[in-house]
């Protein structure tokens, strides 16, 4: 038996397949799910989600949402999801460095800092997923 994993973005089912394990970024840190996990509903942060199929791991950048775990079914509802094969690594690194600079220069407590943080986290997730082809 394995987990039935579905990643759903607003306009389609992004990915659906069986997996042995999934690790996703919650609002309070990383969380792993194996078979027969207790029912769970949790918020997801922007970050890298990892899905294990056999010996292989798939890394997916997710941009916030929710995860529902129930009866060996894991449903991931996110605003955006991207796999490493869809990302240009050099472009992702350049965007990461640019957004990091903007974030660091923005005044503490300002609206600009908050907006820069969102863009920085997205760019970081995209950049990190290019490095996570196989764990």
C-alpha atoms as a PDB file:
ATOM      1  CA  UNK A   1       0.000   0.000   0.000  1.00  0.00           C
ATOM      2  CA  UNK A   2       1.166   3.550  -0.642  1.00  0.00           C
ATOM      3  CA  UNK A   3      -0.007   7.122  -0.509  1.00  0.00           C
ATOM      4  CA  UNK A   4      -2.168   8.525  -3.285  1.00  0.00           C
ATOM      5  CA  UNK A   5      -0.783  12.036  -3.788  1.00  0.00           C
ATOM      6  CA  UNK A   6      -2.559  14.790  -5.725  1.00  0.00           C
ATOM      7  CA  UNK A   7      -1.123  18.269  -6.211  1.00  0.00           C
ATOM      8  CA  UNK A   8      -3.826  20.662  -7.342  1.00  0.00           C
ATOM      9  CA  UNK A   9      -3.286  24.226  -8.569  1.00  0.00           C
ATOM     10  CA  UNK A  10      -6.164  26.632  -9.307  1.00  0.00           C
ATOM     11  CA  UNK A  11      -6.589  25.658 -12.958  1.00  0.00           C
ATOM     12  CA  UNK A  12      -5.747  21.927 -13.008  1.00  0.00           C
ATOM     13  CA  UNK A  13      -4.447  18.802 -11.358  1.00  0.00           C
ATOM     14  CA  UNK A  14      -0.709  19.495 -11.498  1.00  0.00           C
ATOM     15  CA  UNK A  15       0.464  16.011 -10.484  1.00  0.00           C
ATOM     16  CA  UNK A  16      -1.202  12.801  -9.347  1.00  0.00           C
ATOM     17  CA  UNK A  17       0.624   9.594  -8.531  1.00  0.00           C
ATOM     18  CA  UNK A  18       1.389   7.063  -5.830  1.00  0.00           C
ATOM     19  CA  UNK A  19       4.232   7.697  -3.399  1.00  0.00           C
ATOM     20  CA  UNK A  20       5.769   6.142  -0.311  1.00  0.00           C
ATOM     21  CA  UNK A  21       6.511   9.383   1.521  1.00  0.00           C
ATOM     22  CA  UNK A  22       5.907  13.101   1.247  1.00  0.00           C
ATOM     23  CA  UNK A  23       7.576  15.992   3.062  1.00  0.00           C
ATOM     24  CA  UNK A  24       5.972  19.410   2.814  1.00  0.00           C
ATOM     25  CA  UNK A  25       6.639  22.900   4.215  1.00  0.00           C
ATOM     26  CA  UNK A  26       3.974  23.759   6.792  1.00  0.00           C
ATOM     27  CA  UNK A  27       3.602  27.126   8.452  1.00  0.00           C
ATOM     28  CA  UNK A  28       5.439  25.730  11.501  1.00  0.00           C
ATOM     29  CA  UNK A  29       8.172  23.717   9.743  1.00  0.00           C
ATOM     30  CA  UNK A  30       8.664  20.615   7.640  1.00  0.00           C
ATOM     31  CA  UNK A  31       6.223  17.710   8.065  1.00  0.00           C
ATOM     32  CA  UNK A  32       6.568  14.178   6.769  1.00  0.00           C
ATOM     33  CA  UNK A  33       3.741  11.780   5.955  1.00  0.00           C
ATOM     34  CA  UNK A  34       3.964   8.004   5.569  1.00  0.00           C
ATOM     35  CA  UNK A  35       1.266   5.365   5.079  1.00  0.00           C
ATOM     36  CA  UNK A  36      -1.518   5.235   7.672  1.00  0.00           C
ATOM     37  CA  UNK A  37      -0.899   8.764   8.925  1.00  0.00           C
ATOM     38  CA  UNK A  38      -3.625  10.205  11.137  1.00  0.00           C
ATOM     39  CA  UNK A  39      -6.097  12.543   9.407  1.00  0.00           C
ATOM     40  CA  UNK A  40      -4.626  16.018   9.081  1.00  0.00           C
ATOM     41  CA  UNK A  41      -5.381  19.420   7.602  1.00  0.00           C
ATOM     42  CA  UNK A  42      -2.539  21.940   7.672  1.00  0.00           C
ATOM     43  CA  UNK A  43      -1.525  25.183   6.023  1.00  0.00           C
ATOM     44  CA  UNK A  44       1.449  25.109   3.682  1.00  0.00           C
ATOM     45  CA  UNK A  45       4.154  27.712   3.457  1.00  0.00           C
ATOM     46  CA  UNK A  46       6.065  28.627   0.320  1.00  0.00           C
ATOM     47  CA  UNK A  47       8.946  26.188  -0.017  1.00  0.00           C
ATOM     48  CA  UNK A  48      10.112  22.859  -1.395  1.00  0.00           C
ATOM     49  CA  UNK A  49       7.937  19.774  -1.108  1.00  0.00           C
ATOM     50  CA  UNK A  50       9.574  16.375  -1.608  1.00  0.00           C
ATOM     51  CA  UNK A  51       7.790  13.231  -2.766  1.00  0.00           C
ATOM     52  CA  UNK A  52       9.414   9.782  -2.616  1.00  0.00           C
ATOM     53  CA  UNK A  53       8.502   7.202  -5.223  1.00  0.00           C
ATOM     54  CA  UNK A  54      10.473   4.041  -4.536  1.00  0.00           C
ATOM     55  CA  UNK A  55      14.108   5.117  -4.289  1.00  0.00           C
ATOM     56  CA  UNK A  56      13.583   8.365  -6.200  1.00  0.00           C
ATOM     57  CA  UNK A  57      12.633  11.766  -4.809  1.00  0.00           C
ATOM     58  CA  UNK A  58      10.789  14.454  -6.738  1.00  0.00           C
ATOM     59  CA  UNK A  59      11.160  18.062  -5.604  1.00  0.00           C
ATOM     60  CA  UNK A  60       8.325  20.527  -6.200  1.00  0.00           C
ATOM     61  CA  UNK A  61       8.335  24.233  -5.353  1.00  0.00           C
ATOM     62  CA  UNK A  62       4.970  25.081  -3.799  1.00  0.00           C
ATOM     63  CA  UNK A  63       3.698  28.591  -3.206  1.00  0.00           C
ATOM     64  CA  UNK A  64       1.463  28.334  -0.154  1.00  0.00           C
ATOM     65  CA  UNK A  65      -1.790  26.479   0.296  1.00  0.00           C
ATOM     66  CA  UNK A  66      -3.156  23.531   2.250  1.00  0.00           C
ATOM     67  CA  UNK A  67      -2.500  19.813   2.708  1.00  0.00           C
ATOM     68  CA  UNK A  68      -5.201  17.294   3.553  1.00  0.00           C
ATOM     69  CA  UNK A  69      -4.210  13.790   4.682  1.00  0.00           C
ATOM     70  CA  UNK A  70      -6.909  11.152   5.106  1.00  0.00           C
ATOM     71  CA  UNK A  71      -6.982   7.375   4.551  1.00  0.00           C
ATOM     72  CA  UNK A  72      -3.644   7.259   2.679  1.00  0.00           C
ATOM     73  CA  UNK A  73      -4.712  10.058   0.353  1.00  0.00           C
ATOM     74  CA  UNK A  74      -2.717  13.287   0.381  1.00  0.00           C
ATOM     75  CA  UNK A  75      -4.287  16.252  -1.372  1.00  0.00           C
ATOM     76  CA  UNK A  76      -2.094  19.309  -1.788  1.00  0.00           C
ATOM     77  CA  UNK A  77      -3.946  22.502  -2.762  1.00  0.00           C
ATOM     78  CA  UNK A  78      -1.511  25.264  -3.688  1.00  0.00           C
ATOM     79  CA  UNK A  79      -1.528  28.583  -5.506  1.00  0.00           C
ATOM     80  CA  UNK A  80       1.365  27.493  -7.716  1.00  0.00           C
ATOM     81  CA  UNK A  81       3.586  24.435  -8.125  1.00  0.00           C
ATOM     82  CA  UNK A  82       6.744  24.046 -10.216  1.00  0.00           C
ATOM     83  CA  UNK A  83       9.074  21.083 -10.783  1.00  0.00           C
ATOM     84  CA  UNK A  84      12.788  21.558 -11.362  1.00  0.00           C
ATOM     85  CA  UNK A  85      12.599  20.504 -15.014  1.00  0.00           C
ATOM     86  CA  UNK A  86      10.389  23.548 -15.695  1.00  0.00           C
ATOM     87  CA  UNK A  87      12.859  26.015 -14.155  1.00  0.00           C
ATOM     88  CA  UNK A  88      15.960  27.548 -15.706  1.00  0.00           C
ATOM     89  CA  UNK A  89      18.536  27.186 -12.914  1.00  0.00           C
ATOM     90  CA  UNK A  90      20.536  30.297 -13.854  1.00  0.00           C
ATOM     91  CA  UNK A  91      17.414  32.427 -14.097  1.00  0.00           C
ATOM     92  CA  UNK A  92      16.176  31.070 -10.758  1.00  0.00           C
ATOM     93  CA  UNK A  93      19.496  31.898  -9.092  1.00  0.00           C
ATOM     94  CA  UNK A  94      19.518  35.426 -10.540  1.00  0.00           C
ATOM     95  CA  UNK A  95      15.947  36.047  -9.346  1.00  0.00           C
ATOM     96  CA  UNK A  96      16.816  34.662  -5.911  1.00  0.00           C
ATOM     97  CA  UNK A  97      19.807  37.001  -5.564  1.00  0.00           C
ATOM     98  CA  UNK A  98      17.794  39.989  -6.804  1.00  0.00           C
ATOM     99  CA  UNK A  99      14.848  39.401  -4.450  1.00  0.00           C
ATOM    100  CA  UNK A 100      17.207  38.727  -1.541  1.00  0.00           C
ATOM    101  CA  UNK A 101      18.867  42.093  -2.128  1.00  0.00           C
ATOM    102  CA  UNK A 102      15.516  43.912  -2.294  1.00  0.00           C
ATOM    103  CA  UNK A 103      14.346  42.153   0.879  1.00  0.00           C
ATOM    104  CA  UNK A 104      17.523  43.010   2.809  1.00  0.00           C
ATOM    105  CA  UNK A 105      17.376  46.684   1.773  1.00  0.00           C
ATOM    106  CA  UNK A 106      13.698  47.221   2.633  1.00  0.00           C
ATOM    107  CA  UNK A 107      12.973  49.011   5.917  1.00  0.00           C
ATOM    108  CA  UNK A 108      11.898  46.798   8.835  1.00  0.00           C
ATOM    109  CA  UNK A 109       8.155  46.800   9.388  1.00  0.00           C
ATOM    110  CA  UNK A 110       7.398  48.436   6.040  1.00  0.00           C
ATOM    111  CA  UNK A 111       4.911  47.283   3.435  1.00  0.00           C
ATOM    112  CA  UNK A 112       7.830  46.964   1.017  1.00  0.00           C
ATOM    113  CA  UNK A 113       9.598  44.563   3.395  1.00  0.00           C
ATOM    114  CA  UNK A 114       6.484  42.392   3.625  1.00  0.00           C
ATOM    115  CA  UNK A 115       6.006  42.322  -0.149  1.00  0.00           C
ATOM    116  CA  UNK A 116       9.715  41.678  -0.705  1.00  0.00           C
ATOM    117  CA  UNK A 117       9.565  38.767   1.755  1.00  0.00           C
ATOM    118  CA  UNK A 118       6.829  37.063  -0.287  1.00  0.00           C
ATOM    119  CA  UNK A 119       8.810  37.448  -3.523  1.00  0.00           C
ATOM    120  CA  UNK A 120      12.029  36.345  -1.815  1.00  0.00           C
ATOM    121  CA  UNK A 121      10.415  33.150  -0.457  1.00  0.00           C
ATOM    122  CA  UNK A 122       9.034  32.280  -3.906  1.00  0.00           C
ATOM    123  CA  UNK A 123      12.382  32.885  -5.590  1.00  0.00           C
ATOM    124  CA  UNK A 124      14.179  30.876  -2.899  1.00  0.00           C
ATOM    125  CA  UNK A 125      11.798  27.914  -3.359  1.00  0.00           C
ATOM    126  CA  UNK A 126      12.321  27.951  -7.137  1.00  0.00           C
ATOM    127  CA  UNK A 127      16.098  28.178  -6.700  1.00  0.00           C
ATOM    128  CA  UNK A 128      16.216  25.410  -4.080  1.00  0.00           C
ATOM    129  CA  UNK A 129      14.123  23.047  -6.199  1.00  0.00           C
ATOM    130  CA  UNK A 130      16.704  23.263  -9.012  1.00  0.00           C
ATOM    131  CA  UNK A 131      19.244  21.833  -6.556  1.00  0.00           C
ATOM    132  CA  UNK A 132      16.924  19.024  -5.371  1.00  0.00           C
ATOM    133  CA  UNK A 133      16.780  16.758  -8.415  1.00  0.00           C
ATOM    134  CA  UNK A 134      17.571  13.671  -6.330  1.00  0.00           C
ATOM    135  CA  UNK A 135      18.058  13.408  -2.584  1.00  0.00           C
END
